[in-house]
Structures are given as structure tokens and as C-alpha cells.
PDB file of N, CA and C in Angstrom:
ATOM      1  N   MET A   1     -28.227 -30.734 -53.608  1.00  0.00           N
ATOM      2  CA  MET A   1     -28.129 -31.762 -52.596  1.00  0.00           C
ATOM      3  C   MET A   1     -29.088 -31.444 -51.455  1.00  0.00           C
ATOM      4  N   LYS A   2     -29.635 -32.512 -50.890  1.00  0.00           N
ATOM      5  CA  LYS A   2     -30.519 -32.387 -49.729  1.00  0.00           C
ATOM      6  C   LYS A   2     -30.021 -33.302 -48.625  1.00  0.00           C
ATOM      7  N   ALA A   3     -30.185 -32.840 -47.394  1.00  0.00           N
ATOM      8  CA  ALA A   3     -29.947 -33.682 -46.225  1.00  0.00           C
ATOM      9  C   ALA A   3     -31.285 -33.829 -45.524  1.00  0.00           C
ATOM     10  N   SER A   4     -31.650 -35.074 -45.203  1.00  0.00           N
ATOM     11  CA  SER A   4     -32.927 -35.284 -44.514  1.00  0.00           C
ATOM     12  C   SER A   4     -32.780 -36.338 -43.428  1.00  0.00           C
ATOM     13  N   TRP A   5     -33.613 -36.180 -42.418  1.00  0.00           N
ATOM     14  CA  TRP A   5     -33.655 -37.147 -41.326  1.00  0.00           C
ATOM     15  C   TRP A   5     -35.084 -37.214 -40.815  1.00  0.00           C
ATOM     16  N   ASN A   6     -35.516 -38.419 -40.526  1.00  0.00           N
ATOM     17  CA  ASN A   6     -36.855 -38.625 -39.973  1.00  0.00           C
ATOM     18  C   ASN A   6     -37.925 -38.069 -40.917  1.00  0.00           C
ATOM     19  N   GLY A   7     -37.655 -38.157 -42.236  1.00  0.00           N
ATOM     20  CA  GLY A   7     -38.626 -37.732 -43.236  1.00  0.00           C
ATOM     21  C   GLY A   7     -38.691 -36.238 -43.479  1.00  0.00           C
ATOM     22  N   THR A   8     -37.743 -35.486 -42.924  1.00  0.00           N
ATOM     23  CA  THR A   8     -37.766 -34.031 -43.048  1.00  0.00           C
ATOM     24  C   THR A   8     -36.456 -33.528 -43.649  1.00  0.00           C
ATOM     25  N   VAL A   9     -36.559 -32.630 -44.627  1.00  0.00           N
ATOM     26  CA  VAL A   9     -35.371 -32.002 -45.201  1.00  0.00           C
ATOM     27  C   VAL A   9     -34.845 -30.985 -44.184  1.00  0.00           C
ATOM     28  N   ILE A  10     -33.564 -31.149 -43.803  1.00  0.00           N
ATOM     29  CA  ILE A  10     -32.972 -30.265 -42.799  1.00  0.00           C
ATOM     30  C   ILE A  10     -31.928 -29.315 -43.398  1.00  0.00           C
ATOM     31  N   ALA A  11     -31.504 -29.595 -44.627  1.00  0.00           N
ATOM     32  CA  ALA A  11     -30.574 -28.706 -45.345  1.00  0.00           C
ATOM     33  C   ALA A  11     -30.705 -28.975 -46.831  1.00  0.00           C
ATOM     34  N   GLU A  12     -30.511 -27.914 -47.628  1.00  0.00           N
ATOM     35  CA  GLU A  12     -30.623 -28.056 -49.083  1.00  0.00           C
ATOM     36  C   GLU A  12     -29.744 -27.012 -49.751  1.00  0.00           C
ATOM     37  N   SER A  13     -28.907 -27.460 -50.715  1.00  0.00           N
ATOM     38  CA  SER A  13     -28.009 -26.526 -51.382  1.00  0.00           C
ATOM     39  C   SER A  13     -27.509 -27.084 -52.706  1.00  0.00           C
ATOM     40  N   ASP A  14     -27.259 -26.172 -53.644  1.00  0.00           N
ATOM     41  CA  ASP A  14     -26.594 -26.520 -54.905  1.00  0.00           C
ATOM     42  C   ASP A  14     -25.104 -26.229 -54.813  1.00  0.00           C
ATOM     43  N   ALA A  15     -24.634 -25.831 -53.627  1.00  0.00           N
ATOM     44  CA  ALA A  15     -23.246 -25.401 -53.487  1.00  0.00           C
ATOM     45  C   ALA A  15     -22.516 -26.141 -52.367  1.00  0.00           C
ATOM     46  N   THR A  16     -22.744 -27.447 -52.249  1.00  0.00           N
ATOM     47  CA  THR A  16     -22.009 -28.210 -51.244  1.00  0.00           C
ATOM     48  C   THR A  16     -20.563 -28.402 -51.702  1.00  0.00           C
ATOM     49  N   ILE A  17     -19.704 -28.701 -50.754  1.00  0.00           N
ATOM     50  CA  ILE A  17     -18.308 -29.019 -51.050  1.00  0.00           C
ATOM     51  C   ILE A  17     -18.083 -30.452 -50.606  1.00  0.00           C
ATOM     52  N   GLU A  18     -17.600 -31.296 -51.522  1.00  0.00           N
ATOM     53  CA  GLU A  18     -17.394 -32.705 -51.188  1.00  0.00           C
ATOM     54  C   GLU A  18     -15.936 -32.943 -50.810  1.00  0.00           C
ATOM     55  N   ILE A  19     -15.745 -33.495 -49.610  1.00  0.00           N
ATOM     56  CA  ILE A  19     -14.416 -33.851 -49.114  1.00  0.00           C
ATOM     57  C   ILE A  19     -14.517 -35.232 -48.477  1.00  0.00           C
ATOM     58  N   GLU A  20     -13.646 -36.134 -48.907  1.00  0.00           N
ATOM     59  CA  GLU A  20     -13.590 -37.490 -48.358  1.00  0.00           C
ATOM     60  C   GLU A  20     -14.961 -38.167 -48.368  1.00  0.00           C
ATOM     61  N   GLY A  21     -15.728 -37.929 -49.425  1.00  0.00           N
ATOM     62  CA  GLY A  21     -17.023 -38.570 -49.575  1.00  0.00           C
ATOM     63  C   GLY A  21     -18.163 -37.930 -48.804  1.00  0.00           C
ATOM     64  N   ASN A  22     -17.887 -36.853 -48.084  1.00  0.00           N
ATOM     65  CA  ASN A  22     -18.929 -36.141 -47.333  1.00  0.00           C
ATOM     66  C   ASN A  22     -19.250 -34.825 -48.022  1.00  0.00           C
ATOM     67  N   HIS A  23     -20.536 -34.529 -48.115  1.00  0.00           N
ATOM     68  CA  HIS A  23     -20.978 -33.248 -48.660  1.00  0.00           C
ATOM     69  C   HIS A  23     -21.114 -32.266 -47.505  1.00  0.00           C
ATOM     70  N   TYR A  24     -20.383 -31.165 -47.597  1.00  0.00           N
ATOM     71  CA  TYR A  24     -20.463 -30.099 -46.594  1.00  0.00           C
ATOM     72  C   TYR A  24     -21.400 -29.024 -47.130  1.00  0.00           C
ATOM     73  N   PHE A  25     -22.439 -28.726 -46.349  1.00  0.00           N
ATOM     74  CA  PHE A  25     -23.470 -27.772 -46.743  1.00  0.00           C
ATOM     75  C   PHE A  25     -23.130 -26.384 -46.215  1.00  0.00           C
ATOM     76  N   PRO A  26     -23.337 -25.335 -47.038  1.00  0.00           N
ATOM     77  CA  PRO A  26     -23.087 -23.971 -46.569  1.00  0.00           C
ATOM     78  C   PRO A  26     -23.957 -23.661 -45.345  1.00  0.00           C
ATOM     79  N   PRO A  27     -23.449 -22.844 -44.428  1.00  0.00           N
ATOM     80  CA  PRO A  27     -24.209 -22.536 -43.214  1.00  0.00           C
ATOM     81  C   PRO A  27     -25.609 -22.001 -43.473  1.00  0.00           C
ATOM     82  N   ASP A  28     -25.771 -21.187 -44.519  1.00  0.00           N
ATOM     83  CA  ASP A  28     -27.090 -20.594 -44.784  1.00  0.00           C
ATOM     84  C   ASP A  28     -28.070 -21.564 -45.431  1.00  0.00           C
ATOM     85  N   SER A  29     -27.636 -22.796 -45.710  1.00  0.00           N
ATOM     86  CA  SER A  29     -28.540 -23.786 -46.311  1.00  0.00           C
ATOM     87  C   SER A  29     -29.236 -24.648 -45.263  1.00  0.00           C
ATOM     88  N   LEU A  30     -28.844 -24.489 -43.994  1.00  0.00           N
ATOM     89  CA  LEU A  30     -29.448 -25.280 -42.918  1.00  0.00           C
ATOM     90  C   LEU A  30     -30.778 -24.690 -42.490  1.00  0.00           C
ATOM     91  N   LYS A  31     -31.721 -25.549 -42.203  1.00  0.00           N
ATOM     92  CA  LYS A  31     -32.979 -25.121 -41.597  1.00  0.00           C
ATOM     93  C   LYS A  31     -32.733 -25.158 -40.085  1.00  0.00           C
ATOM     94  N   ARG A  32     -32.323 -24.024 -39.564  1.00  0.00           N
ATOM     95  CA  ARG A  32     -31.781 -23.917 -38.204  1.00  0.00           C
ATOM     96  C   ARG A  32     -32.704 -24.437 -37.106  1.00  0.00           C
ATOM     97  N   GLU A  33     -33.986 -24.460 -37.361  1.00  0.00           N
ATOM     98  CA  GLU A  33     -34.910 -24.928 -36.316  1.00  0.00           C
ATOM     99  C   GLU A  33     -34.694 -26.400 -35.966  1.00  0.00           C
ATOM    100  N   PHE A  34     -33.965 -27.133 -36.812  1.00  0.00           N
ATOM    101  CA  PHE A  34     -33.730 -28.561 -36.565  1.00  0.00           C
ATOM    102  C   PHE A  34     -32.364 -28.845 -35.943  1.00  0.00           C
ATOM    103  N   PHE A  35     -31.607 -27.801 -35.581  1.00  0.00           N
ATOM    104  CA  PHE A  35     -30.247 -27.984 -35.081  1.00  0.00           C
ATOM    105  C   PHE A  35     -30.095 -27.426 -33.670  1.00  0.00           C
ATOM    106  N   GLN A  36     -29.442 -28.231 -32.815  1.00  0.00           N
ATOM    107  CA  GLN A  36     -29.110 -27.789 -31.464  1.00  0.00           C
ATOM    108  C   GLN A  36     -27.640 -28.096 -31.219  1.00  0.00           C
ATOM    109  N   LYS A  37     -26.927 -27.169 -30.601  1.00  0.00           N
ATOM    110  CA  LYS A  37     -25.501 -27.388 -30.341  1.00  0.00           C
ATOM    111  C   LYS A  37     -25.308 -28.589 -29.422  1.00  0.00           C
ATOM    112  N   ASN A  38     -24.234 -29.324 -29.699  1.00  0.00           N
ATOM    113  CA  ASN A  38     -23.825 -30.451 -28.884  1.00  0.00           C
ATOM    114  C   ASN A  38     -22.419 -30.112 -28.387  1.00  0.00           C
ATOM    115  N   ASP A  39     -22.059 -30.556 -27.186  1.00  0.00           N
ATOM    116  CA  ASP A  39     -20.751 -30.225 -26.614  1.00  0.00           C
ATOM    117  C   ASP A  39     -19.606 -31.088 -27.137  1.00  0.00           C
ATOM    118  N   LEU A  40     -19.900 -32.076 -27.982  1.00  0.00           N
ATOM    119  CA  LEU A  40     -18.875 -32.968 -28.501  1.00  0.00           C
ATOM    120  C   LEU A  40     -17.905 -32.222 -29.413  1.00  0.00           C
ATOM    121  N   HIS A  41     -16.625 -32.558 -29.289  1.00  0.00           N
ATOM    122  CA  HIS A  41     -15.575 -32.054 -30.181  1.00  0.00           C
ATOM    123  C   HIS A  41     -14.663 -33.217 -30.524  1.00  0.00           C
ATOM    124  N   THR A  42     -14.234 -33.279 -31.772  1.00  0.00           N
ATOM    125  CA  THR A  42     -13.243 -34.261 -32.199  1.00  0.00           C
ATOM    126  C   THR A  42     -12.190 -33.517 -33.014  1.00  0.00           C
ATOM    127  N   THR A  43     -11.074 -34.184 -33.252  1.00  0.00           N
ATOM    128  CA  THR A  43     -10.001 -33.542 -34.003  1.00  0.00           C
ATOM    129  C   THR A  43      -9.628 -34.383 -35.212  1.00  0.00           C
ATOM    130  N   CYS A  44      -9.606 -33.734 -36.362  1.00  0.00           N
ATOM    131  CA  CYS A  44      -9.124 -34.346 -37.597  1.00  0.00           C
ATOM    132  C   CYS A  44      -7.674 -33.910 -37.774  1.00  0.00           C
ATOM    133  N   PRO A  45      -6.783 -34.844 -38.127  1.00  0.00           N
ATOM    134  CA  PRO A  45      -5.370 -34.486 -38.260  1.00  0.00           C
ATOM    135  C   PRO A  45      -5.088 -33.358 -39.255  1.00  0.00           C
ATOM    136  N   TRP A  46      -5.916 -33.228 -40.285  1.00  0.00           N
ATOM    137  CA  TRP A  46      -5.617 -32.182 -41.267  1.00  0.00           C
ATOM    138  C   TRP A  46      -6.659 -31.075 -41.346  1.00  0.00           C
ATOM    139  N   LYS A  47      -7.883 -31.309 -40.823  1.00  0.00           N
ATOM    140  CA  LYS A  47      -8.916 -30.265 -40.885  1.00  0.00           C
ATOM    141  C   LYS A  47      -8.988 -29.450 -39.591  1.00  0.00           C
ATOM    142  N   GLY A  48      -8.608 -30.046 -38.475  1.00  0.00           N
ATOM    143  CA  GLY A  48      -8.665 -29.334 -37.204  1.00  0.00           C
ATOM    144  C   GLY A  48      -9.764 -29.859 -36.301  1.00  0.00           C
ATOM    145  N   GLN A  49     -10.213 -29.007 -35.372  1.00  0.00           N
ATOM    146  CA  GLN A  49     -11.220 -29.423 -34.398  1.00  0.00           C
ATOM    147  C   GLN A  49     -12.642 -29.246 -34.942  1.00  0.00           C
ATOM    148  N   ALA A  50     -13.407 -30.344 -34.867  1.00  0.00           N
ATOM    149  CA  ALA A  50     -14.801 -30.328 -35.306  1.00  0.00           C
ATOM    150  C   ALA A  50     -15.726 -30.101 -34.115  1.00  0.00           C
ATOM    151  N   SER A  51     -16.790 -29.373 -34.365  1.00  0.00           N
ATOM    152  CA  SER A  51     -17.878 -29.192 -33.404  1.00  0.00           C
ATOM    153  C   SER A  51     -19.106 -29.892 -33.973  1.00  0.00           C
ATOM    154  N   TYR A  52     -20.103 -30.140 -33.120  1.00  0.00           N
ATOM    155  CA  TYR A  52     -21.255 -30.950 -33.529  1.00  0.00           C
ATOM    156  C   TYR A  52     -22.583 -30.300 -33.193  1.00  0.00           C
ATOM    157  N   TYR A  53     -23.583 -30.700 -33.968  1.00  0.00           N
ATOM    158  CA  TYR A  53     -24.980 -30.369 -33.694  1.00  0.00           C
ATOM    159  C   TYR A  53     -25.762 -31.668 -33.516  1.00  0.00           C
ATOM    160  N   ASP A  54     -26.776 -31.622 -32.661  1.00  0.00           N
ATOM    161  CA  ASP A  54     -27.812 -32.646 -32.646  1.00  0.00           C
ATOM    162  C   ASP A  54     -28.836 -32.221 -33.687  1.00  0.00           C
ATOM    163  N   VAL A  55     -29.443 -33.195 -34.363  1.00  0.00           N
ATOM    164  CA  VAL A  55     -30.544 -32.914 -35.276  1.00  0.00           C
ATOM    165  C   VAL A  55     -31.823 -33.339 -34.554  1.00  0.00           C
ATOM    166  N   VAL A  56     -32.792 -32.420 -34.464  1.00  0.00           N
ATOM    167  CA  VAL A  56     -34.032 -32.679 -33.737  1.00  0.00           C
ATOM    168  C   VAL A  56     -35.211 -32.471 -34.688  1.00  0.00           C
ATOM    169  N   VAL A  57     -35.971 -33.563 -34.921  1.00  0.00           N
ATOM    170  CA  VAL A  57     -37.131 -33.512 -35.807  1.00  0.00           C
ATOM    171  C   VAL A  57     -38.293 -34.219 -35.113  1.00  0.00           C
ATOM    172  N   ASP A  58     -39.425 -33.556 -35.038  1.00  0.00           N
ATOM    173  CA  ASP A  58     -40.636 -34.128 -34.434  1.00  0.00           C
ATOM    174  C   ASP A  58     -40.376 -34.699 -33.047  1.00  0.00           C
ATOM    175  N   GLY A  59     -39.586 -33.989 -32.252  1.00  0.00           N
ATOM    176  CA  GLY A  59     -39.327 -34.399 -30.881  1.00  0.00           C
ATOM    177  C   GLY A  59     -38.309 -35.514 -30.727  1.00  0.00           C
ATOM    178  N   GLU A  60     -37.765 -36.008 -31.833  1.00  0.00           N
ATOM    179  CA  GLU A  60     -36.740 -37.051 -31.771  1.00  0.00           C
ATOM    180  C   GLU A  60     -35.381 -36.430 -32.030  1.00  0.00           C
ATOM    181  N   THR A  61     -34.376 -36.888 -31.270  1.00  0.00           N
ATOM    182  CA  THR A  61     -33.035 -36.318 -31.367  1.00  0.00           C
ATOM    183  C   THR A  61     -32.052 -37.328 -31.932  1.00  0.00           C
ATOM    184  N   ASN A  62     -31.302 -36.913 -32.930  1.00  0.00           N
ATOM    185  CA  ASN A  62     -30.204 -37.690 -33.502  1.00  0.00           C
ATOM    186  C   ASN A  62     -28.928 -36.987 -33.027  1.00  0.00           C
ATOM    187  N   GLU A  63     -28.344 -37.515 -31.954  1.00  0.00           N
ATOM    188  CA  GLU A  63     -27.237 -36.836 -31.292  1.00  0.00           C
ATOM    189  C   GLU A  63     -25.974 -36.769 -32.143  1.00  0.00           C
ATOM    190  N   ALA A  64     -25.381 -35.599 -32.147  1.00  0.00           N
ATOM    191  CA  ALA A  64     -24.090 -35.352 -32.811  1.00  0.00           C
ATOM    192  C   ALA A  64     -24.061 -35.877 -34.244  1.00  0.00           C
ATOM    193  N   SER A  65     -25.162 -35.726 -34.955  1.00  0.00           N
ATOM    194  CA  SER A  65     -25.254 -36.268 -36.316  1.00  0.00           C
ATOM    195  C   SER A  65     -24.856 -35.254 -37.391  1.00  0.00           C
ATOM    196  N   ALA A  66     -24.469 -34.059 -36.977  1.00  0.00           N
ATOM    197  CA  ALA A  66     -23.987 -33.039 -37.904  1.00  0.00           C
ATOM    198  C   ALA A  66     -22.706 -32.454 -37.326  1.00  0.00           C
ATOM    199  N   TRP A  67     -21.700 -32.255 -38.187  1.00  0.00           N
ATOM    200  CA  TRP A  67     -20.464 -31.663 -37.692  1.00  0.00           C
ATOM    201  C   TRP A  67     -19.984 -30.558 -38.614  1.00  0.00           C
ATOM    202  N   TYR A  68     -19.154 -29.704 -38.038  1.00  0.00           N
ATOM    203  CA  TYR A  68     -18.615 -28.561 -38.786  1.00  0.00           C
ATOM    204  C   TYR A  68     -17.293 -28.134 -38.146  1.00  0.00           C
ATOM    205  N   TYR A  69     -16.547 -27.334 -38.884  1.00  0.00           N
ATOM    206  CA  TYR A  69     -15.266 -26.820 -38.412  1.00  0.00           C
ATOM    207  C   TYR A  69     -15.368 -25.302 -38.287  1.00  0.00           C
ATOM    208  N   PRO A  70     -15.531 -24.778 -37.062  1.00  0.00           N
ATOM    209  CA  PRO A  70     -15.656 -23.327 -36.899  1.00  0.00           C
ATOM    210  C   PRO A  70     -14.354 -22.578 -37.187  1.00  0.00           C
ATOM    211  N   ALA A  71     -13.218 -23.249 -36.989  1.00  0.00           N
ATOM    212  CA  ALA A  71     -11.914 -22.625 -37.246  1.00  0.00           C
ATOM    213  C   ALA A  71     -10.980 -23.692 -37.829  1.00  0.00           C
ATOM    214  N   PRO A  72     -11.235 -24.110 -39.076  1.00  0.00           N
ATOM    215  CA  PRO A  72     -10.440 -25.184 -39.667  1.00  0.00           C
ATOM    216  C   PRO A  72      -8.997 -24.763 -39.948  1.00  0.00           C
ATOM    217  N   SER A  73      -8.161 -25.748 -40.176  1.00  0.00           N
ATOM    218  CA  SER A  73      -6.778 -25.476 -40.571  1.00  0.00           C
ATOM    219  C   SER A  73      -6.773 -24.782 -41.936  1.00  0.00           C
ATOM    220  N   ASP A  74      -5.638 -24.231 -42.296  1.00  0.00           N
ATOM    221  CA  ASP A  74      -5.518 -23.578 -43.605  1.00  0.00           C
ATOM    222  C   ASP A  74      -5.826 -24.539 -44.743  1.00  0.00           C
ATOM    223  N   ALA A  75      -5.500 -25.818 -44.560  1.00  0.00           N
ATOM    224  CA  ALA A  75      -5.735 -26.822 -45.609  1.00  0.00           C
ATOM    225  C   ALA A  75      -7.226 -27.047 -45.865  1.00  0.00           C
ATOM    226  N   ALA A  76      -8.065 -26.713 -44.877  1.00  0.00           N
ATOM    227  CA  ALA A  76      -9.511 -26.950 -45.005  1.00  0.00           C
ATOM    228  C   ALA A  76     -10.320 -25.659 -44.883  1.00  0.00           C
ATOM    229  N   LYS A  77      -9.691 -24.522 -45.096  1.00  0.00           N
ATOM    230  CA  LYS A  77     -10.373 -23.237 -44.869  1.00  0.00           C
ATOM    231  C   LYS A  77     -11.637 -23.053 -45.704  1.00  0.00           C
ATOM    232  N   GLU A  78     -11.736 -23.747 -46.839  1.00  0.00           N
ATOM    233  CA  GLU A  78     -12.918 -23.594 -47.700  1.00  0.00           C
ATOM    234  C   GLU A  78     -14.199 -24.116 -47.053  1.00  0.00           C
ATOM    235  N   ILE A  79     -14.078 -24.984 -46.024  1.00  0.00           N
ATOM    236  CA  ILE A  79     -15.284 -25.535 -45.389  1.00  0.00           C
ATOM    237  C   ILE A  79     -15.578 -24.897 -44.036  1.00  0.00           C
ATOM    238  N   LYS A  80     -14.976 -23.757 -43.743  1.00  0.00           N
ATOM    239  CA  LYS A  80     -15.240 -23.076 -42.469  1.00  0.00           C
ATOM    240  C   LYS A  80     -16.743 -22.860 -42.300  1.00  0.00           C
ATOM    241  N   GLY A  81     -17.299 -23.421 -41.230  1.00  0.00           N
ATOM    242  CA  GLY A  81     -18.719 -23.263 -40.932  1.00  0.00           C
ATOM    243  C   GLY A  81     -19.655 -24.160 -41.709  1.00  0.00           C
ATOM    244  N   TYR A  82     -19.156 -24.834 -42.731  1.00  0.00           N
ATOM    245  CA  TYR A  82     -19.992 -25.751 -43.520  1.00  0.00           C
ATOM    246  C   TYR A  82     -20.304 -26.997 -42.694  1.00  0.00           C
ATOM    247  N   VAL A  83     -21.450 -27.610 -42.934  1.00  0.00           N
ATOM    248  CA  VAL A  83     -21.931 -28.715 -42.099  1.00  0.00           C
ATOM    249  C   VAL A  83     -22.072 -30.002 -42.904  1.00  0.00           C
ATOM    250  N   ALA A  84     -21.570 -31.094 -42.336  1.00  0.00           N
ATOM    251  CA  ALA A  84     -21.697 -32.429 -42.931  1.00  0.00           C
ATOM    252  C   ALA A  84     -22.489 -33.322 -41.973  1.00  0.00           C
ATOM    253  N   PHE A  85     -22.924 -34.474 -42.482  1.00  0.00           N
ATOM    254  CA  PHE A  85     -23.842 -35.321 -41.719  1.00  0.00           C
ATOM    255  C   PHE A  85     -23.422 -36.779 -41.718  1.00  0.00           C
ATOM    256  N   TRP A  86     -23.919 -37.505 -40.720  1.00  0.00           N
ATOM    257  CA  TRP A  86     -23.766 -38.958 -40.608  1.00  0.00           C
ATOM    258  C   TRP A  86     -24.853 -39.455 -39.678  1.00  0.00           C
ATOM    259  N   ARG A  87     -24.693 -40.688 -39.163  1.00  0.00           N
ATOM    260  CA  ARG A  87     -25.636 -41.289 -38.207  1.00  0.00           C
ATOM    261  C   ARG A  87     -27.074 -41.301 -38.710  1.00  0.00           C
ATOM    262  N   GLY A  88     -27.237 -41.747 -39.954  1.00  0.00           N
ATOM    263  CA  GLY A  88     -28.586 -41.944 -40.470  1.00  0.00           C
ATOM    264  C   GLY A  88     -29.184 -40.762 -41.201  1.00  0.00           C
ATOM    265  N   VAL A  89     -28.504 -39.636 -41.215  1.00  0.00           N
ATOM    266  CA  VAL A  89     -28.987 -38.501 -42.010  1.00  0.00           C
ATOM    267  C   VAL A  89     -28.706 -38.845 -43.475  1.00  0.00           C
ATOM    268  N   GLU A  90     -29.756 -38.788 -44.297  1.00  0.00           N
ATOM    269  CA  GLU A  90     -29.622 -39.126 -45.710  1.00  0.00           C
ATOM    270  C   GLU A  90     -29.212 -37.899 -46.506  1.00  0.00           C
ATOM    271  N   VAL A  91     -28.168 -38.063 -47.319  1.00  0.00           N
ATOM    272  CA  VAL A  91     -27.686 -36.963 -48.158  1.00  0.00           C
ATOM    273  C   VAL A  91     -27.686 -37.436 -49.600  1.00  0.00           C
ATOM    274  N   GLY A  92     -28.322 -36.652 -50.471  1.00  0.00           N
ATOM    275  CA  GLY A  92     -28.341 -37.030 -51.873  1.00  0.00           C
ATOM    276  C   GLY A  92     -29.093 -36.044 -52.713  1.00  0.00           C
TER     277      GLY A  92
END
């Protein structure tokens, strides 16, 4: 699986975990130069509190377009630190 935005591959892995239609990429599959921490946090009733990254490619920022669970609930422990995407990031 690859995640790309603005014509650039930002993550690539053969070991994603699919939950609720989203592919979660292992932390080591991210091309870190394209990620900046965002202060946004949301809460999933069963996964716990999500944190976000902005994706930055060629000087353009896609705010809070990547999310992850740094300390997920026991029900979602398999995706600890794994990153999923939305807001125009193409995954396939």
C-alpha cells in the first residue's frame, strides 16, 4: 500500500492494518520529512484519543490529514503508533 499527496508518496508498506476501511501504516513506513505534528486531538469511543500530523509537500500543507493513536485502548492496541490518512491523501 502507498499513501500519496500532491503527487508524492509519503508512506509505503506491505504491512498496513485495515480498520473501518482505513489502512493504518506502520510508523517506520512514513517518510518523516513530510510530516509535522498538529495540536488537534479527537476521541474515538473504542480506539481512544487520536493525535494528528499535517502533511507538507512542496511547501503546501494538508492540515491534520494524518492521524494515529499514541496510546490506544486495549481493543485497538495493534495500531499503536500506526498512521491513517484522509483529506485528499490517496491510499491504494
